[in-house]
Amino acid sequence: MKKTSNTPQSHFLSLDADWSEALASPPGKGLFREDLPSCRGHFDGASRGNPGDAGAGAILLDSAGRTVWKCARPLGRKTNNEAEYLALILLLEEILARRLSGVAVRGDSQLVVNQVTGRWKIREPRLQELADRAKELLKATKSSLSWIPREENFEADRLSNEALDGSAPSMKAETAPPKPEFPPDRLEKISGSIFIAHGTEDYAVDLLHRACTCPAFQRWKKCKHLDAAEREG
């Protein structure tokens, strides 16, 4: 496989710097490569806590499904939604640095995909900044963004957890703690199987695929939001 030249550090969002400064930088203006086969990219973010230790995973595949690039990056202390957004930006920055165009970008975060594509409103200013940056990069690279079920995003999910495991001081076997019930009046039904759980941070609940974007589900594969949506659904 042909090695890619080192990417200038200025192309990347500094995860430890002031976001307002980093997000203000415009995308690069180099010509896009037309000699490469079509690629697709996957991203995922995870956080153990809200906020807590977080990690981002992203991968680029060529048209034959071979890995072109992959990354597992610890993010420090972030919320789960921030981790998902930063994983998307990490992937899009790499697409831009490689001068790729028309990449099919996929992720299993209903919240990120629907907010970036304009289907859902963004209520948190810190997520608005990240969404604006993602939109800017999507436009600059002429890439598309779509949602896929969690089981089809397994490699990006593995990478995000690899980033988490690498940053955690120790990893011990744990069992899920008892879950308090989530108030049903804080559930907003978006479609037949999709709910938004409103609280300090909003989470998307997918009844069809039995998934939620909250940190508890990312860690234990069950949560109070999914339980409440199943009762209401």
C-alpha atoms as a PDB file:
ATOM      1  CA  MET A   1       0.000   0.000   0.000  1.00  0.00           C
ATOM      2  CA  LYS A   2       1.311   3.414  -0.905  1.00  0.00           C
ATOM      3  CA  LYS A   3       2.282   5.431   2.149  1.00  0.00           C
ATOM      4  CA  THR A   4       0.586   8.735   2.668  1.00  0.00           C
ATOM      5  CA  SER A   5       2.726  11.757   3.311  1.00  0.00           C
ATOM      6  CA  ASN A   6       2.645  13.292   6.772  1.00  0.00           C
ATOM      7  CA  THR A   7      -0.326  15.578   7.277  1.00  0.00           C
ATOM      8  CA  PRO A   8       0.443  19.125   8.490  1.00  0.00           C
ATOM      9  CA  GLN A   9      -0.581  19.471  12.112  1.00  0.00           C
ATOM     10  CA  SER A  10      -2.586  22.609  11.298  1.00  0.00           C
ATOM     11  CA  HIS A  11      -5.088  20.536   9.320  1.00  0.00           C
ATOM     12  CA  PHE A  12      -6.363  18.877  12.495  1.00  0.00           C
ATOM     13  CA  LEU A  13      -8.678  20.045  15.243  1.00  0.00           C
ATOM     14  CA  SER A  14      -6.609  20.261  18.421  1.00  0.00           C
ATOM     15  CA  LEU A  15      -8.676  18.366  20.966  1.00  0.00           C
ATOM     16  CA  ASP A  16      -6.900  20.070  23.882  1.00  0.00           C
ATOM     17  CA  ALA A  17      -7.069  23.621  22.501  1.00  0.00           C
ATOM     18  CA  ASP A  18      -9.812  26.230  22.654  1.00  0.00           C
ATOM     19  CA  TRP A  19     -12.483  24.906  20.281  1.00  0.00           C
ATOM     20  CA  SER A  20     -13.625  28.370  19.191  1.00  0.00           C
ATOM     21  CA  GLU A  21     -10.149  29.087  17.816  1.00  0.00           C
ATOM     22  CA  ALA A  22      -9.684  25.687  16.214  1.00  0.00           C
ATOM     23  CA  LEU A  23     -13.116  25.586  14.645  1.00  0.00           C
ATOM     24  CA  ALA A  24     -12.657  29.020  13.092  1.00  0.00           C
ATOM     25  CA  SER A  25      -9.948  27.802  10.686  1.00  0.00           C
ATOM     26  CA  PRO A  26     -11.282  27.297   7.118  1.00  0.00           C
ATOM     27  CA  PRO A  27     -10.793  24.000   5.266  1.00  0.00           C
ATOM     28  CA  GLY A  28      -7.752  23.702   3.008  1.00  0.00           C
ATOM     29  CA  LYS A  29      -8.112  24.668  -0.642  1.00  0.00           C
ATOM     30  CA  GLY A  30      -5.935  22.038  -2.371  1.00  0.00           C
ATOM     31  CA  LEU A  31      -7.150  20.229  -5.481  1.00  0.00           C
ATOM     32  CA  PHE A  32      -8.938  16.944  -4.865  1.00  0.00           C
ATOM     33  CA  ARG A  33      -7.530  13.699  -6.170  1.00  0.00           C
ATOM     34  CA  GLU A  34      -9.473  12.135  -9.012  1.00  0.00           C
ATOM     35  CA  ASP A  35      -7.204   9.093  -9.493  1.00  0.00           C
ATOM     36  CA  LEU A  36      -8.382   7.149  -6.444  1.00  0.00           C
ATOM     37  CA  PRO A  37     -11.274   4.648  -6.323  1.00  0.00           C
ATOM     38  CA  SER A  38     -14.279   5.636  -4.242  1.00  0.00           C
ATOM     39  CA  CYS A  39     -13.800   5.373  -0.476  1.00  0.00           C
ATOM     40  CA  ARG A  40     -16.117   5.126   2.482  1.00  0.00           C
ATOM     41  CA  GLY A  41     -15.476   6.163   6.042  1.00  0.00           C
ATOM     42  CA  HIS A  42     -16.870   5.117   9.417  1.00  0.00           C
ATOM     43  CA  PHE A  43     -16.710   6.970  12.736  1.00  0.00           C
ATOM     44  CA  ASP A  44     -17.735   6.371  16.337  1.00  0.00           C
ATOM     45  CA  GLY A  45     -17.193   8.019  19.701  1.00  0.00           C
ATOM     46  CA  ALA A  46     -17.583   6.723  23.233  1.00  0.00           C
ATOM     47  CA  SER A  47     -17.484   8.169  26.744  1.00  0.00           C
ATOM     48  CA  ARG A  48     -17.413   6.406  30.097  1.00  0.00           C
ATOM     49  CA  GLY A  49     -19.231   9.013  32.112  1.00  0.00           C
ATOM     50  CA  ASN A  50     -21.100  12.170  31.249  1.00  0.00           C
ATOM     51  CA  PRO A  51     -18.651  13.702  30.948  1.00  0.00           C
ATOM     52  CA  GLY A  52     -15.831  11.196  31.450  1.00  0.00           C
ATOM     53  CA  ASP A  53     -12.925   9.480  29.710  1.00  0.00           C
ATOM     54  CA  ALA A  54     -13.718   9.527  25.989  1.00  0.00           C
ATOM     55  CA  GLY A  55     -12.313   8.116  22.770  1.00  0.00           C
ATOM     56  CA  ALA A  56     -12.816   8.514  19.027  1.00  0.00           C
ATOM     57  CA  GLY A  57     -12.526   5.835  16.374  1.00  0.00           C
ATOM     58  CA  ALA A  58     -12.464   6.372  12.607  1.00  0.00           C
ATOM     59  CA  ILE A  59     -11.550   4.300   9.568  1.00  0.00           C
ATOM     60  CA  LEU A  60     -11.269   4.829   5.799  1.00  0.00           C
ATOM     61  CA  LEU A  61     -11.865   1.919   3.415  1.00  0.00           C
ATOM     62  CA  ASP A  62     -11.280   1.709  -0.326  1.00  0.00           C
ATOM     63  CA  SER A  63     -13.847   0.381  -2.813  1.00  0.00           C
ATOM     64  CA  ALA A  64     -12.673  -3.187  -2.159  1.00  0.00           C
ATOM     65  CA  GLY A  65     -13.127  -2.812   1.600  1.00  0.00           C
ATOM     66  CA  ARG A  66      -9.404  -2.620   2.356  1.00  0.00           C
ATOM     67  CA  THR A  67      -8.265  -0.330   5.153  1.00  0.00           C
ATOM     68  CA  VAL A  68      -6.660   2.864   3.862  1.00  0.00           C
ATOM     69  CA  TRP A  69      -6.339   4.559   7.266  1.00  0.00           C
ATOM     70  CA  LYS A  70      -7.633   4.080  10.786  1.00  0.00           C
ATOM     71  CA  CYS A  71      -7.286   5.928  14.061  1.00  0.00           C
ATOM     72  CA  ALA A  72      -8.093   5.339  17.743  1.00  0.00           C
ATOM     73  CA  ARG A  73      -7.665   8.647  19.581  1.00  0.00           C
ATOM     74  CA  PRO A  74      -8.175   9.327  23.297  1.00  0.00           C
ATOM     75  CA  LEU A  75     -10.120  12.568  23.782  1.00  0.00           C
ATOM     76  CA  GLY A  76      -9.726  13.233  27.471  1.00  0.00           C
ATOM     77  CA  ARG A  77     -12.829  14.268  29.400  1.00  0.00           C
ATOM     78  CA  LYS A  78     -15.820  14.674  27.055  1.00  0.00           C
ATOM     79  CA  THR A  79     -19.516  13.831  26.911  1.00  0.00           C
ATOM     80  CA  ASN A  80     -20.645  11.024  24.644  1.00  0.00           C
ATOM     81  CA  ASN A  81     -22.163  13.430  22.113  1.00  0.00           C
ATOM     82  CA  GLU A  82     -18.946  15.463  22.010  1.00  0.00           C
ATOM     83  CA  ALA A  83     -16.975  12.252  21.428  1.00  0.00           C
ATOM     84  CA  GLU A  84     -19.252  11.285  18.511  1.00  0.00           C
ATOM     85  CA  TYR A  85     -18.866  14.718  16.914  1.00  0.00           C
ATOM     86  CA  LEU A  86     -15.092  14.761  17.393  1.00  0.00           C
ATOM     87  CA  ALA A  87     -14.813  11.298  15.818  1.00  0.00           C
ATOM     88  CA  LEU A  88     -16.693  12.589  12.760  1.00  0.00           C
ATOM     89  CA  ILE A  89     -14.440  15.659  12.542  1.00  0.00           C
ATOM     90  CA  LEU A  90     -11.344  13.464  12.937  1.00  0.00           C
ATOM     91  CA  LEU A  91     -12.451  11.406   9.941  1.00  0.00           C
ATOM     92  CA  LEU A  92     -13.405  14.414   7.813  1.00  0.00           C
ATOM     93  CA  GLU A  93     -10.084  16.135   8.544  1.00  0.00           C
ATOM     94  CA  GLU A  94      -8.275  13.033   7.267  1.00  0.00           C
ATOM     95  CA  ILE A  95     -10.435  12.966   4.134  1.00  0.00           C
ATOM     96  CA  LEU A  96      -9.580  16.603   3.534  1.00  0.00           C
ATOM     97  CA  ALA A  97      -5.855  16.049   4.165  1.00  0.00           C
ATOM     98  CA  ARG A  98      -5.815  13.190   1.623  1.00  0.00           C
ATOM     99  CA  ARG A  99      -7.656  15.385  -0.897  1.00  0.00           C
ATOM    100  CA  LEU A 100     -10.408  12.791  -1.320  1.00  0.00           C
ATOM    101  CA  SER A 101     -13.785  13.761  -2.738  1.00  0.00           C
ATOM    102  CA  GLY A 102     -17.244  12.228  -2.534  1.00  0.00           C
ATOM    103  CA  VAL A 103     -16.541   9.898   0.394  1.00  0.00           C
ATOM    104  CA  ALA A 104     -19.576   8.114   1.869  1.00  0.00           C
ATOM    105  CA  VAL A 105     -19.286   8.835   5.597  1.00  0.00           C
ATOM    106  CA  ARG A 106     -21.263   6.594   7.936  1.00  0.00           C
ATOM    107  CA  GLY A 107     -21.912   6.487  11.661  1.00  0.00           C
ATOM    108  CA  ASP A 108     -24.352   4.911  14.109  1.00  0.00           C
ATOM    109  CA  SER A 109     -25.112   8.103  16.060  1.00  0.00           C
ATOM    110  CA  GLN A 110     -28.678   9.132  15.231  1.00  0.00           C
ATOM    111  CA  LEU A 111     -28.112  12.423  17.032  1.00  0.00           C
ATOM    112  CA  VAL A 112     -24.963  13.478  15.145  1.00  0.00           C
ATOM    113  CA  VAL A 113     -26.156  12.355  11.708  1.00  0.00           C
ATOM    114  CA  ASN A 114     -29.559  13.998  12.035  1.00  0.00           C
ATOM    115  CA  GLN A 115     -28.227  17.216  13.545  1.00  0.00           C
ATOM    116  CA  VAL A 116     -25.458  17.657  10.958  1.00  0.00           C
ATOM    117  CA  THR A 117     -27.829  16.931   8.065  1.00  0.00           C
ATOM    118  CA  GLY A 118     -30.358  19.425   9.462  1.00  0.00           C
ATOM    119  CA  ARG A 119     -33.153  16.997  10.323  1.00  0.00           C
ATOM    120  CA  TRP A 120     -32.929  17.665  14.054  1.00  0.00           C
ATOM    121  CA  LYS A 121     -32.380  20.926  15.917  1.00  0.00           C
ATOM    122  CA  ILE A 122     -29.225  21.550  17.959  1.00  0.00           C
ATOM    123  CA  ARG A 123     -29.948  22.954  21.410  1.00  0.00           C
ATOM    124  CA  GLU A 124     -26.449  22.982  22.903  1.00  0.00           C
ATOM    125  CA  PRO A 125     -23.999  25.730  21.793  1.00  0.00           C
ATOM    126  CA  ARG A 126     -20.937  23.512  22.174  1.00  0.00           C
ATOM    127  CA  LEU A 127     -22.461  20.942  19.820  1.00  0.00           C
ATOM    128  CA  GLN A 128     -23.497  23.688  17.379  1.00  0.00           C
ATOM    129  CA  GLU A 129     -19.827  24.645  16.928  1.00  0.00           C
ATOM    130  CA  LEU A 130     -18.875  21.053  16.230  1.00  0.00           C
ATOM    131  CA  ALA A 131     -21.804  20.570  13.849  1.00  0.00           C
ATOM    132  CA  ASP A 132     -20.833  23.719  11.930  1.00  0.00           C
ATOM    133  CA  ARG A 133     -17.277  22.423  11.535  1.00  0.00           C
ATOM    134  CA  ALA A 134     -18.525  19.021  10.336  1.00  0.00           C
ATOM    135  CA  LYS A 135     -20.853  20.685   7.799  1.00  0.00           C
ATOM    136  CA  GLU A 136     -17.977  22.830   6.541  1.00  0.00           C
ATOM    137  CA  LEU A 137     -15.777  19.780   6.027  1.00  0.00           C
ATOM    138  CA  LEU A 138     -18.537  17.760   4.365  1.00  0.00           C
ATOM    139  CA  LYS A 139     -19.094  20.591   1.901  1.00  0.00           C
ATOM    140  CA  ALA A 140     -15.374  21.088   1.260  1.00  0.00           C
ATOM    141  CA  THR A 141     -14.827  17.393   0.495  1.00  0.00           C
ATOM    142  CA  LYS A 142     -18.189  16.891  -1.247  1.00  0.00           C
ATOM    143  CA  SER A 143     -18.770  13.936   1.066  1.00  0.00           C
ATOM    144  CA  SER A 144     -22.101  12.511   2.215  1.00  0.00           C
ATOM    145  CA  LEU A 145     -23.201  11.570   5.732  1.00  0.00           C
ATOM    146  CA  SER A 146     -25.624   8.775   6.570  1.00  0.00           C
ATOM    147  CA  TRP A 147     -26.701   6.639   9.515  1.00  0.00           C
ATOM    148  CA  ILE A 148     -26.090   2.894   9.777  1.00  0.00           C
ATOM    149  CA  PRO A 149     -27.016   0.387  12.501  1.00  0.00           C
ATOM    150  CA  ARG A 150     -24.439  -0.212  15.217  1.00  0.00           C
ATOM    151  CA  GLU A 151     -23.682  -3.731  13.970  1.00  0.00           C
ATOM    152  CA  GLU A 152     -22.543  -2.299  10.625  1.00  0.00           C
ATOM    153  CA  ASN A 153     -20.203   0.130  12.371  1.00  0.00           C
ATOM    154  CA  PHE A 154     -18.306  -2.450  14.398  1.00  0.00           C
ATOM    155  CA  GLU A 155     -14.768  -1.474  13.341  1.00  0.00           C
ATOM    156  CA  ALA A 156     -15.176   2.225  14.244  1.00  0.00           C
ATOM    157  CA  ASP A 157     -16.840   1.136  17.491  1.00  0.00           C
ATOM    158  CA  ARG A 158     -13.882  -1.153  18.250  1.00  0.00           C
ATOM    159  CA  LEU A 159     -11.445   1.688  17.597  1.00  0.00           C
ATOM    160  CA  SER A 160     -13.298   4.117  19.873  1.00  0.00           C
ATOM    161  CA  ASN A 161     -13.210   1.568  22.683  1.00  0.00           C
ATOM    162  CA  GLU A 162      -9.564   0.842  21.949  1.00  0.00           C
ATOM    163  CA  ALA A 163      -8.884   4.560  22.441  1.00  0.00           C
ATOM    164  CA  LEU A 164     -10.813   4.425  25.725  1.00  0.00           C
ATOM    165  CA  ASP A 165      -9.015   1.331  26.981  1.00  0.00           C
ATOM    166  CA  GLY A 166      -5.660   2.830  26.121  1.00  0.00           C
ATOM    167  CA  SER A 167      -6.403   6.006  28.099  1.00  0.00           C
ATOM    168  CA  ALA A 168      -7.968   4.335  31.147  1.00  0.00           C
ATOM    169  CA  PRO A 169      -5.633   3.740  34.133  1.00  0.00           C
ATOM    170  CA  SER A 170      -7.024   0.258  34.687  1.00  0.00           C
ATOM    171  CA  MET A 171      -9.715  -1.990  33.258  1.00  0.00           C
ATOM    172  CA  LYS A 172     -11.592  -4.261  35.685  1.00  0.00           C
ATOM    173  CA  ALA A 173     -14.577  -6.501  35.101  1.00  0.00           C
ATOM    174  CA  GLU A 174     -17.687  -4.592  36.081  1.00  0.00           C
ATOM    175  CA  THR A 175     -21.411  -5.155  36.148  1.00  0.00           C
ATOM    176  CA  ALA A 176     -24.014  -2.592  35.238  1.00  0.00           C
ATOM    177  CA  PRO A 177     -25.253  -0.531  38.217  1.00  0.00           C
ATOM    178  CA  PRO A 178     -28.991  -0.342  38.983  1.00  0.00           C
ATOM    179  CA  LYS A 179     -30.801   2.148  36.726  1.00  0.00           C
ATOM    180  CA  PRO A 180     -33.387   4.661  37.997  1.00  0.00           C
ATOM    181  CA  GLU A 181     -36.487   4.961  35.831  1.00  0.00           C
ATOM    182  CA  PHE A 182     -36.446   7.693  33.202  1.00  0.00           C
ATOM    183  CA  PRO A 183     -39.512  10.007  33.323  1.00  0.00           C
ATOM    184  CA  PRO A 184     -41.747   9.210  30.329  1.00  0.00           C
ATOM    185  CA  ASP A 185     -42.742  12.870  29.930  1.00  0.00           C
ATOM    186  CA  ARG A 186     -39.153  13.646  28.924  1.00  0.00           C
ATOM    187  CA  LEU A 187     -39.347  11.327  25.943  1.00  0.00           C
ATOM    188  CA  GLU A 188     -40.144  12.922  22.576  1.00  0.00           C
ATOM    189  CA  LYS A 189     -41.281  10.563  19.813  1.00  0.00           C
ATOM    190  CA  ILE A 190     -39.681  11.573  16.499  1.00  0.00           C
ATOM    191  CA  SER A 191     -40.892   8.664  14.359  1.00  0.00           C
ATOM    192  CA  GLY A 192     -42.284   5.176  14.749  1.00  0.00           C
ATOM    193  CA  SER A 193     -39.200   3.792  16.472  1.00  0.00           C
ATOM    194  CA  ILE A 194     -37.062   6.867  17.286  1.00  0.00           C
ATOM    195  CA  PHE A 195     -37.296   8.867  20.516  1.00  0.00           C
ATOM    196  CA  ILE A 196     -35.291  11.775  21.934  1.00  0.00           C
ATOM    197  CA  ALA A 197     -34.620  11.518  25.668  1.00  0.00           C
ATOM    198  CA  HIS A 198     -34.399  15.107  26.964  1.00  0.00           C
ATOM    199  CA  GLY A 199     -32.311  15.964  29.999  1.00  0.00           C
ATOM    200  CA  THR A 200     -29.017  17.644  30.836  1.00  0.00           C
ATOM    201  CA  GLU A 201     -27.959  16.238  27.466  1.00  0.00           C
ATOM    202  CA  ASP A 202     -30.273  14.877  24.761  1.00  0.00           C
ATOM    203  CA  TYR A 203     -29.919  11.288  23.550  1.00  0.00           C
ATOM    204  CA  ALA A 204     -31.421   9.445  20.593  1.00  0.00           C
ATOM    205  CA  VAL A 205     -33.158   6.134  21.324  1.00  0.00           C
ATOM    206  CA  ASP A 206     -33.706   3.623  18.508  1.00  0.00           C
ATOM    207  CA  LEU A 207     -36.287   0.992  19.425  1.00  0.00           C
ATOM    208  CA  LEU A 208     -35.954  -0.906  16.142  1.00  0.00           C
ATOM    209  CA  HIS A 209     -32.260  -1.631  16.715  1.00  0.00           C
ATOM    210  CA  ARG A 210     -32.477  -1.443  20.537  1.00  0.00           C
ATOM    211  CA  ALA A 211     -29.823   1.248  20.848  1.00  0.00           C
ATOM    212  CA  CYS A 212     -29.249   4.582  22.575  1.00  0.00           C
ATOM    213  CA  THR A 213     -26.536   7.223  22.204  1.00  0.00           C
ATOM    214  CA  CYS A 214     -26.095   7.720  25.973  1.00  0.00           C
ATOM    215  CA  PRO A 215     -22.835   6.722  27.732  1.00  0.00           C
ATOM    216  CA  ALA A 216     -24.592   4.057  29.822  1.00  0.00           C
ATOM    217  CA  PHE A 217     -25.742   2.194  26.712  1.00  0.00           C
ATOM    218  CA  GLN A 218     -22.306   2.529  25.087  1.00  0.00           C
ATOM    219  CA  ARG A 219     -20.821   0.844  28.131  1.00  0.00           C
ATOM    220  CA  TRP A 220     -23.449  -1.660  29.264  1.00  0.00           C
ATOM    221  CA  LYS A 221     -25.612  -2.103  26.125  1.00  0.00           C
ATOM    222  CA  LYS A 222     -28.675  -1.154  28.209  1.00  0.00           C
ATOM    223  CA  CYS A 223     -29.934   2.055  29.797  1.00  0.00           C
ATOM    224  CA  LYS A 224     -32.892   3.783  31.428  1.00  0.00           C
ATOM    225  CA  HIS A 225     -33.734   5.711  28.228  1.00  0.00           C
ATOM    226  CA  LEU A 226     -34.162   2.527  26.171  1.00  0.00           C
ATOM    227  CA  ASP A 227     -36.179   0.924  28.978  1.00  0.00           C
ATOM    228  CA  ALA A 228     -38.505   3.946  29.105  1.00  0.00           C
ATOM    229  CA  ALA A 229     -38.922   4.067  25.311  1.00  0.00           C
ATOM    230  CA  GLU A 230     -39.773   0.358  25.241  1.00  0.00           C
ATOM    231  CA  ARG A 231     -42.475   0.963  27.839  1.00  0.00           C
ATOM    232  CA  GLU A 232     -43.862   3.877  25.837  1.00  0.00           C
ATOM    233  CA  GLY A 233     -43.424   2.303  22.402  1.00  0.00           C
END
